């Protein structure tokens, strides 16, 4: 019974996560670039923090040629001596 409860809760979690995940496939290229620029300008968390890296991942997912986001994503790794 306990395993069934865990299984049901896990299934519910996966279902809710899949419903809330953002899909940018229905946006045009221009809309994706505008949204990436808005995210870039609106939020600037501390460099290298998990929130910052997640935000940069979202921006790069929207616009894979967003040079500022790509450069900013690599800075914490380069400071630690790790190639990105």
PDB file of N, CA and C in Angstrom:
ATOM      1  N   UNK A   1       0.821  -1.195   0.000  1.00  0.00           N
ATOM      2  CA  UNK A   1       0.000   0.000   0.000  1.00  0.00           C
ATOM      3  C   UNK A   1       0.865   1.260   0.000  1.00  0.00           C
ATOM      4  N   UNK A   2       1.945   1.219   0.762  1.00  0.00           N
ATOM      5  CA  UNK A   2       2.824   2.377   0.827  1.00  0.00           C
ATOM      6  C   UNK A   2       3.482   2.642  -0.531  1.00  0.00           C
ATOM      7  N   UNK A   3       3.858   1.586  -1.225  1.00  0.00           N
ATOM      8  CA  UNK A   3       4.474   1.746  -2.543  1.00  0.00           C
ATOM      9  C   UNK A   3       3.470   2.316  -3.534  1.00  0.00           C
ATOM     10  N   UNK A   4       2.213   1.916  -3.413  1.00  0.00           N
ATOM     11  CA  UNK A   4       1.178   2.435  -4.307  1.00  0.00           C
ATOM     12  C   UNK A   4       0.994   3.927  -4.108  1.00  0.00           C
ATOM     13  N   UNK A   5       1.010   4.378  -2.859  1.00  0.00           N
ATOM     14  CA  UNK A   5       0.886   5.801  -2.571  1.00  0.00           C
ATOM     15  C   UNK A   5       2.057   6.578  -3.163  1.00  0.00           C
ATOM     16  N   UNK A   6       3.273   6.058  -2.985  1.00  0.00           N
ATOM     17  CA  UNK A   6       4.448   6.724  -3.559  1.00  0.00           C
ATOM     18  C   UNK A   6       4.364   6.769  -5.078  1.00  0.00           C
ATOM     19  N   UNK A   7       3.918   5.681  -5.676  1.00  0.00           N
ATOM     20  CA  UNK A   7       3.788   5.626  -7.131  1.00  0.00           C
ATOM     21  C   UNK A   7       2.762   6.649  -7.622  1.00  0.00           C
ATOM     22  N   UNK A   8       1.618   6.732  -6.929  1.00  0.00           N
ATOM     23  CA  UNK A   8       0.586   7.690  -7.339  1.00  0.00           C
ATOM     24  C   UNK A   8       1.050   9.125  -7.175  1.00  0.00           C
ATOM     25  N   UNK A   9       1.730   9.409  -6.075  1.00  0.00           N
ATOM     26  CA  UNK A   9       2.239  10.765  -5.862  1.00  0.00           C
ATOM     27  C   UNK A   9       3.304  11.120  -6.886  1.00  0.00           C
ATOM     28  N   UNK A  10       4.152  10.169  -7.228  1.00  0.00           N
ATOM     29  CA  UNK A  10       5.165  10.423  -8.251  1.00  0.00           C
ATOM     30  C   UNK A  10       4.521  10.682  -9.598  1.00  0.00           C
ATOM     31  N   UNK A  11       3.503   9.901  -9.937  1.00  0.00           N
ATOM     32  CA  UNK A  11       2.782  10.115 -11.189  1.00  0.00           C
ATOM     33  C   UNK A  11       2.111  11.463 -11.232  1.00  0.00           C
ATOM     34  N   UNK A  12       1.526  11.868 -10.098  1.00  0.00           N
ATOM     35  CA  UNK A  12       0.888  13.184 -10.023  1.00  0.00           C
ATOM     36  C   UNK A  12       1.914  14.296 -10.208  1.00  0.00           C
ATOM     37  N   UNK A  13       3.079  14.145  -9.567  1.00  0.00           N
ATOM     38  CA  UNK A  13       4.135  15.137  -9.708  1.00  0.00           C
ATOM     39  C   UNK A  13       4.589  15.264 -11.164  1.00  0.00           C
ATOM     40  N   UNK A  14       4.806  14.151 -11.825  1.00  0.00           N
ATOM     41  CA  UNK A  14       5.242  14.170 -13.228  1.00  0.00           C
ATOM     42  C   UNK A  14       4.168  14.805 -14.108  1.00  0.00           C
ATOM     43  N   UNK A  15       2.914  14.491 -13.846  1.00  0.00           N
ATOM     44  CA  UNK A  15       1.825  15.062 -14.627  1.00  0.00           C
ATOM     45  C   UNK A  15       1.765  16.579 -14.450  1.00  0.00           C
ATOM     46  N   UNK A  16       1.850  17.051 -13.202  1.00  0.00           N
ATOM     47  CA  UNK A  16       1.812  18.495 -12.958  1.00  0.00           C
ATOM     48  C   UNK A  16       3.017  19.198 -13.555  1.00  0.00           C
ATOM     49  N   UNK A  17       4.187  18.562 -13.478  1.00  0.00           N
ATOM     50  CA  UNK A  17       5.383  19.165 -14.055  1.00  0.00           C
ATOM     51  C   UNK A  17       5.262  19.281 -15.567  1.00  0.00           C
ATOM     52  N   UNK A  18       4.702  18.262 -16.200  1.00  0.00           N
ATOM     53  CA  UNK A  18       4.570  18.302 -17.656  1.00  0.00           C
ATOM     54  C   UNK A  18       3.558  19.345 -18.096  1.00  0.00           C
ATOM     55  N   UNK A  19       2.574  19.621 -17.273  1.00  0.00           N
ATOM     56  CA  UNK A  19       1.570  20.635 -17.610  1.00  0.00           C
ATOM     57  C   UNK A  19       2.112  22.043 -17.442  1.00  0.00           C
ATOM     58  N   UNK A  20       3.039  22.221 -16.508  1.00  0.00           N
ATOM     59  CA  UNK A  20       3.531  23.569 -16.242  1.00  0.00           C
ATOM     60  C   UNK A  20       4.798  23.907 -17.005  1.00  0.00           C
ATOM     61  N   UNK A  21       5.454  22.939 -17.622  1.00  0.00           N
ATOM     62  CA  UNK A  21       6.686  23.243 -18.339  1.00  0.00           C
ATOM     63  C   UNK A  21       6.370  24.130 -19.539  1.00  0.00           C
ATOM     64  N   UNK A  22       7.203  25.126 -19.722  1.00  0.00           N
ATOM     65  CA  UNK A  22       6.927  26.099 -20.780  1.00  0.00           C
ATOM     66  C   UNK A  22       7.450  25.589 -22.117  1.00  0.00           C
ATOM     67  N   UNK A  23       6.622  25.741 -23.120  1.00  0.00           N
ATOM     68  CA  UNK A  23       6.997  25.343 -24.463  1.00  0.00           C
ATOM     69  C   UNK A  23       7.005  26.601 -25.334  1.00  0.00           C
ATOM     70  N   UNK A  24       8.117  26.826 -25.969  1.00  0.00           N
ATOM     71  CA  UNK A  24       8.252  28.019 -26.799  1.00  0.00           C
ATOM     72  C   UNK A  24       8.111  27.693 -28.275  1.00  0.00           C
ATOM     73  N   UNK A  25       7.690  26.486 -28.597  1.00  0.00           N
ATOM     74  CA  UNK A  25       7.653  26.065 -29.996  1.00  0.00           C
ATOM     75  C   UNK A  25       6.570  26.786 -30.793  1.00  0.00           C
ATOM     76  N   UNK A  26       5.551  27.326 -30.130  1.00  0.00           N
ATOM     77  CA  UNK A  26       4.485  27.993 -30.858  1.00  0.00           C
ATOM     78  C   UNK A  26       4.786  29.466 -31.136  1.00  0.00           C
ATOM     79  N   UNK A  27       5.918  29.974 -30.655  1.00  0.00           N
ATOM     80  CA  UNK A  27       6.296  31.361 -30.888  1.00  0.00           C
ATOM     81  C   UNK A  27       7.119  31.491 -32.162  1.00  0.00           C
ATOM     82  N   UNK A  28       7.008  32.647 -32.797  1.00  0.00           N
ATOM     83  CA  UNK A  28       7.836  32.909 -33.969  1.00  0.00           C
ATOM     84  C   UNK A  28       9.264  33.231 -33.512  1.00  0.00           C
ATOM     85  N   UNK A  29      10.169  33.273 -34.450  1.00  0.00           N
ATOM     86  CA  UNK A  29      11.574  33.550 -34.134  1.00  0.00           C
ATOM     87  C   UNK A  29      11.714  34.938 -33.525  1.00  0.00           C
ATOM     88  N   UNK A  30      10.998  35.909 -34.073  1.00  0.00           N
ATOM     89  CA  UNK A  30      11.082  37.273 -33.554  1.00  0.00           C
ATOM     90  C   UNK A  30      10.527  37.358 -32.133  1.00  0.00           C
ATOM     91  N   UNK A  31       9.415  36.648 -31.876  1.00  0.00           N
ATOM     92  CA  UNK A  31       8.830  36.656 -30.542  1.00  0.00           C
ATOM     93  C   UNK A  31       9.764  35.991 -29.531  1.00  0.00           C
ATOM     94  N   UNK A  32      10.428  34.935 -29.958  1.00  0.00           N
ATOM     95  CA  UNK A  32      11.369  34.253 -29.071  1.00  0.00           C
ATOM     96  C   UNK A  32      12.545  35.161 -28.724  1.00  0.00           C
ATOM     97  N   UNK A  33      13.053  35.896 -29.736  1.00  0.00           N
ATOM     98  CA  UNK A  33      14.158  36.816 -29.482  1.00  0.00           C
ATOM     99  C   UNK A  33      13.731  37.948 -28.555  1.00  0.00           C
ATOM    100  N   UNK A  34      12.515  38.476 -28.747  1.00  0.00           N
ATOM    101  CA  UNK A  34      12.021  39.541 -27.877  1.00  0.00           C
ATOM    102  C   UNK A  34      11.858  39.047 -26.447  1.00  0.00           C
ATOM    103  N   UNK A  35      11.319  37.842 -26.282  1.00  0.00           N
ATOM    104  CA  UNK A  35      11.143  37.281 -24.952  1.00  0.00           C
ATOM    105  C   UNK A  35      12.489  37.026 -24.282  1.00  0.00           C
ATOM    106  N   UNK A  36      13.458  36.562 -25.042  1.00  0.00           N
ATOM    107  CA  UNK A  36      14.803  36.345 -24.494  1.00  0.00           C
ATOM    108  C   UNK A  36      15.415  37.671 -24.057  1.00  0.00           C
ATOM    109  N   UNK A  37      15.241  38.726 -24.853  1.00  0.00           N
ATOM    110  CA  UNK A  37      15.768  40.042 -24.483  1.00  0.00           C
ATOM    111  C   UNK A  37      15.075  40.587 -23.236  1.00  0.00           C
ATOM    112  N   UNK A  38      13.757  40.367 -23.134  1.00  0.00           N
ATOM    113  CA  UNK A  38      13.026  40.819 -21.945  1.00  0.00           C
ATOM    114  C   UNK A  38      13.528  40.112 -20.695  1.00  0.00           C
ATOM    115  N   UNK A  39      13.732  38.803 -20.789  1.00  0.00           N
ATOM    116  CA  UNK A  39      14.247  38.048 -19.642  1.00  0.00           C
ATOM    117  C   UNK A  39      15.657  38.507 -19.287  1.00  0.00           C
ATOM    118  N   UNK A  40      16.451  38.805 -20.289  1.00  0.00           N
ATOM    119  CA  UNK A  40      17.826  39.250 -20.053  1.00  0.00           C
ATOM    120  C   UNK A  40      17.833  40.592 -19.325  1.00  0.00           C
ATOM    121  N   UNK A  41      16.977  41.504 -19.732  1.00  0.00           N
ATOM    122  CA  UNK A  41      16.961  42.839 -19.141  1.00  0.00           C
ATOM    123  C   UNK A  41      16.278  42.868 -17.774  1.00  0.00           C
ATOM    124  N   UNK A  42      15.279  42.020 -17.565  1.00  0.00           N
ATOM    125  CA  UNK A  42      14.484  42.128 -16.344  1.00  0.00           C
ATOM    126  C   UNK A  42      15.132  41.475 -15.126  1.00  0.00           C
ATOM    127  N   UNK A  43      15.840  40.380 -15.304  1.00  0.00           N
ATOM    128  CA  UNK A  43      16.377  39.635 -14.164  1.00  0.00           C
ATOM    129  C   UNK A  43      17.882  39.497 -14.271  1.00  0.00           C
ATOM    130  N   UNK A  44      18.575  39.940 -13.231  1.00  0.00           N
ATOM    131  CA  UNK A  44      20.029  39.782 -13.178  1.00  0.00           C
ATOM    132  C   UNK A  44      20.409  39.230 -11.802  1.00  0.00           C
ATOM    133  N   UNK A  45      20.217  37.908 -11.574  1.00  0.00           N
ATOM    134  CA  UNK A  45      20.630  37.337 -10.283  1.00  0.00           C
ATOM    135  C   UNK A  45      22.150  37.325 -10.138  1.00  0.00           C
ATOM    136  N   UNK A  46      22.609  36.924  -8.980  1.00  0.00           N
ATOM    137  CA  UNK A  46      24.044  36.880  -8.694  1.00  0.00           C
ATOM    138  C   UNK A  46      24.734  35.908  -9.654  1.00  0.00           C
ATOM    139  N   UNK A  47      25.851  36.334 -10.168  1.00  0.00           N
ATOM    140  CA  UNK A  47      26.578  35.537 -11.162  1.00  0.00           C
ATOM    141  C   UNK A  47      27.001  34.191 -10.594  1.00  0.00           C
ATOM    142  N   UNK A  48      26.672  33.127 -11.323  1.00  0.00           N
ATOM    143  CA  UNK A  48      27.055  31.784 -10.929  1.00  0.00           C
ATOM    144  C   UNK A  48      26.068  31.090 -10.020  1.00  0.00           C
ATOM    145  N   UNK A  49      25.036  31.800  -9.560  1.00  0.00           N
ATOM    146  CA  UNK A  49      24.049  31.175  -8.677  1.00  0.00           C
ATOM    147  C   UNK A  49      23.162  30.223  -9.484  1.00  0.00           C
ATOM    148  N   UNK A  50      22.523  29.276  -8.828  1.00  0.00           N
ATOM    149  CA  UNK A  50      21.627  28.365  -9.547  1.00  0.00           C
ATOM    150  C   UNK A  50      20.492  29.104 -10.254  1.00  0.00           C
ATOM    151  N   UNK A  51      19.969  30.154  -9.629  1.00  0.00           N
ATOM    152  CA  UNK A  51      18.896  30.928 -10.266  1.00  0.00           C
ATOM    153  C   UNK A  51      19.400  31.602 -11.540  1.00  0.00           C
ATOM    154  N   UNK A  52      20.611  32.122 -11.476  1.00  0.00           N
ATOM    155  CA  UNK A  52      21.202  32.774 -12.636  1.00  0.00           C
ATOM    156  C   UNK A  52      21.429  31.786 -13.768  1.00  0.00           C
ATOM    157  N   UNK A  53      21.956  30.608 -13.436  1.00  0.00           N
ATOM    158  CA  UNK A  53      22.228  29.602 -14.463  1.00  0.00           C
ATOM    159  C   UNK A  53      20.934  29.088 -15.090  1.00  0.00           C
ATOM    160  N   UNK A  54      19.882  28.941 -14.280  1.00  0.00           N
ATOM    161  CA  UNK A  54      18.592  28.499 -14.806  1.00  0.00           C
ATOM    162  C   UNK A  54      18.002  29.549 -15.737  1.00  0.00           C
ATOM    163  N   UNK A  55      18.090  30.813 -15.344  1.00  0.00           N
ATOM    164  CA  UNK A  55      17.592  31.896 -16.189  1.00  0.00           C
ATOM    165  C   UNK A  55      18.360  31.946 -17.509  1.00  0.00           C
ATOM    166  N   UNK A  56      19.663  31.789 -17.446  1.00  0.00           N
ATOM    167  CA  UNK A  56      20.467  31.799 -18.666  1.00  0.00           C
ATOM    168  C   UNK A  56      20.138  30.607 -19.557  1.00  0.00           C
ATOM    169  N   UNK A  57      19.847  29.455 -18.955  1.00  0.00           N
ATOM    170  CA  UNK A  57      19.421  28.293 -19.746  1.00  0.00           C
ATOM    171  C   UNK A  57      18.120  28.582 -20.483  1.00  0.00           C
ATOM    172  N   UNK A  58      17.178  29.252 -19.813  1.00  0.00           N
ATOM    173  CA  UNK A  58      15.912  29.605 -20.459  1.00  0.00           C
ATOM    174  C   UNK A  58      16.136  30.582 -21.605  1.00  0.00           C
ATOM    175  N   UNK A  59      16.999  31.565 -21.395  1.00  0.00           N
ATOM    176  CA  UNK A  59      17.275  32.546 -22.443  1.00  0.00           C
ATOM    177  C   UNK A  59      17.930  31.869 -23.644  1.00  0.00           C
ATOM    178  N   UNK A  60      18.872  30.968 -23.394  1.00  0.00           N
ATOM    179  CA  UNK A  60      19.542  30.266 -24.484  1.00  0.00           C
ATOM    180  C   UNK A  60      18.577  29.330 -25.195  1.00  0.00           C
ATOM    181  N   UNK A  61      17.624  28.749 -24.452  1.00  0.00           N
ATOM    182  CA  UNK A  61      16.608  27.896 -25.091  1.00  0.00           C
ATOM    183  C   UNK A  61      15.717  28.719 -26.010  1.00  0.00           C
ATOM    184  N   UNK A  62      15.453  29.956 -25.633  1.00  0.00           N
ATOM    185  CA  UNK A  62      14.639  30.830 -26.478  1.00  0.00           C
ATOM    186  C   UNK A  62      15.406  31.288 -27.706  1.00  0.00           C
ATOM    187  N   UNK A  63      16.634  31.742 -27.488  1.00  0.00           N
ATOM    188  CA  UNK A  63      17.440  32.291 -28.578  1.00  0.00           C
ATOM    189  C   UNK A  63      18.850  31.724 -28.454  1.00  0.00           C
ATOM    190  N   UNK A  64      19.152  30.726 -29.258  1.00  0.00           N
ATOM    191  CA  UNK A  64      20.446  30.045 -29.135  1.00  0.00           C
ATOM    192  C   UNK A  64      21.613  30.918 -29.575  1.00  0.00           C
ATOM    193  N   UNK A  65      21.352  32.052 -30.168  1.00  0.00           N
ATOM    194  CA  UNK A  65      22.424  32.949 -30.602  1.00  0.00           C
ATOM    195  C   UNK A  65      22.523  34.196 -29.724  1.00  0.00           C
ATOM    196  N   UNK A  66      21.957  34.149 -28.537  1.00  0.00           N
ATOM    197  CA  UNK A  66      22.014  35.283 -27.613  1.00  0.00           C
ATOM    198  C   UNK A  66      23.412  35.310 -26.997  1.00  0.00           C
ATOM    199  N   UNK A  67      24.286  36.113 -27.574  1.00  0.00           N
ATOM    200  CA  UNK A  67      25.710  36.113 -27.224  1.00  0.00           C
ATOM    201  C   UNK A  67      25.954  36.502 -25.770  1.00  0.00           C
ATOM    202  N   UNK A  68      25.201  37.484 -25.273  1.00  0.00           N
ATOM    203  CA  UNK A  68      25.409  37.918 -23.894  1.00  0.00           C
ATOM    204  C   UNK A  68      25.104  36.802 -22.905  1.00  0.00           C
ATOM    205  N   UNK A  69      24.032  36.070 -23.138  1.00  0.00           N
ATOM    206  CA  UNK A  69      23.660  34.977 -22.237  1.00  0.00           C
ATOM    207  C   UNK A  69      24.686  33.847 -22.298  1.00  0.00           C
ATOM    208  N   UNK A  70      25.160  33.534 -23.469  1.00  0.00           N
ATOM    209  CA  UNK A  70      26.155  32.467 -23.611  1.00  0.00           C
ATOM    210  C   UNK A  70      27.452  32.855 -22.902  1.00  0.00           C
ATOM    211  N   UNK A  71      27.869  34.098 -23.075  1.00  0.00           N
ATOM    212  CA  UNK A  71      29.088  34.564 -22.421  1.00  0.00           C
ATOM    213  C   UNK A  71      28.913  34.574 -20.897  1.00  0.00           C
ATOM    214  N   UNK A  72      27.766  35.068 -20.434  1.00  0.00           N
ATOM    215  CA  UNK A  72      27.504  35.129 -19.000  1.00  0.00           C
ATOM    216  C   UNK A  72      27.415  33.730 -18.379  1.00  0.00           C
ATOM    217  N   UNK A  73      26.899  32.772 -19.140  1.00  0.00           N
ATOM    218  CA  UNK A  73      26.805  31.395 -18.644  1.00  0.00           C
ATOM    219  C   UNK A  73      28.188  30.782 -18.447  1.00  0.00           C
ATOM    220  N   UNK A  74      29.147  31.156 -19.273  1.00  0.00           N
ATOM    221  CA  UNK A  74      30.469  30.550 -19.200  1.00  0.00           C
ATOM    222  C   UNK A  74      31.384  31.222 -18.176  1.00  0.00           C
ATOM    223  N   UNK A  75      31.081  32.431 -17.735  1.00  0.00           N
ATOM    224  CA  UNK A  75      31.987  33.166 -16.848  1.00  0.00           C
ATOM    225  C   UNK A  75      32.281  32.430 -15.544  1.00  0.00           C
ATOM    226  N   UNK A  76      31.276  31.920 -14.807  1.00  0.00           N
ATOM    227  CA  UNK A  76      31.609  31.227 -13.548  1.00  0.00           C
ATOM    228  C   UNK A  76      32.501  30.005 -13.765  1.00  0.00           C
ATOM    229  N   UNK A  77      32.311  29.312 -14.879  1.00  0.00           N
ATOM    230  CA  UNK A  77      33.143  28.141 -15.162  1.00  0.00           C
ATOM    231  C   UNK A  77      34.581  28.565 -15.472  1.00  0.00           C
ATOM    232  N   UNK A  78      34.732  29.642 -16.227  1.00  0.00           N
ATOM    233  CA  UNK A  78      36.071  30.102 -16.573  1.00  0.00           C
ATOM    234  C   UNK A  78      36.809  30.625 -15.335  1.00  0.00           C
ATOM    235  N   UNK A  79      36.075  31.241 -14.396  1.00  0.00           N
ATOM    236  CA  UNK A  79      36.709  31.713 -13.165  1.00  0.00           C
ATOM    237  C   UNK A  79      37.237  30.563 -12.334  1.00  0.00           C
ATOM    238  N   UNK A  80      36.588  29.413 -12.453  1.00  0.00           N
ATOM    239  CA  UNK A  80      37.029  28.234 -11.707  1.00  0.00           C
ATOM    240  C   UNK A  80      38.041  27.393 -12.493  1.00  0.00           C
ATOM    241  N   UNK A  81      38.337  27.801 -13.724  1.00  0.00           N
ATOM    242  CA  UNK A  81      39.299  27.091 -14.539  1.00  0.00           C
ATOM    243  C   UNK A  81      38.746  25.920 -15.293  1.00  0.00           C
ATOM    244  N   UNK A  82      37.411  25.869 -15.435  1.00  0.00           N
ATOM    245  CA  UNK A  82      36.763  24.777 -16.171  1.00  0.00           C
ATOM    246  C   UNK A  82      36.241  25.314 -17.497  1.00  0.00           C
ATOM    247  N   UNK A  83      36.569  24.660 -18.572  1.00  0.00           N
ATOM    248  CA  UNK A  83      36.050  25.077 -19.876  1.00  0.00           C
ATOM    249  C   UNK A  83      34.581  24.686 -19.983  1.00  0.00           C
ATOM    250  N   UNK A  84      33.768  25.582 -20.509  1.00  0.00           N
ATOM    251  CA  UNK A  84      32.324  25.320 -20.641  1.00  0.00           C
ATOM    252  C   UNK A  84      32.052  24.619 -21.923  1.00  0.00           C
TER     253      UNK A  84
END
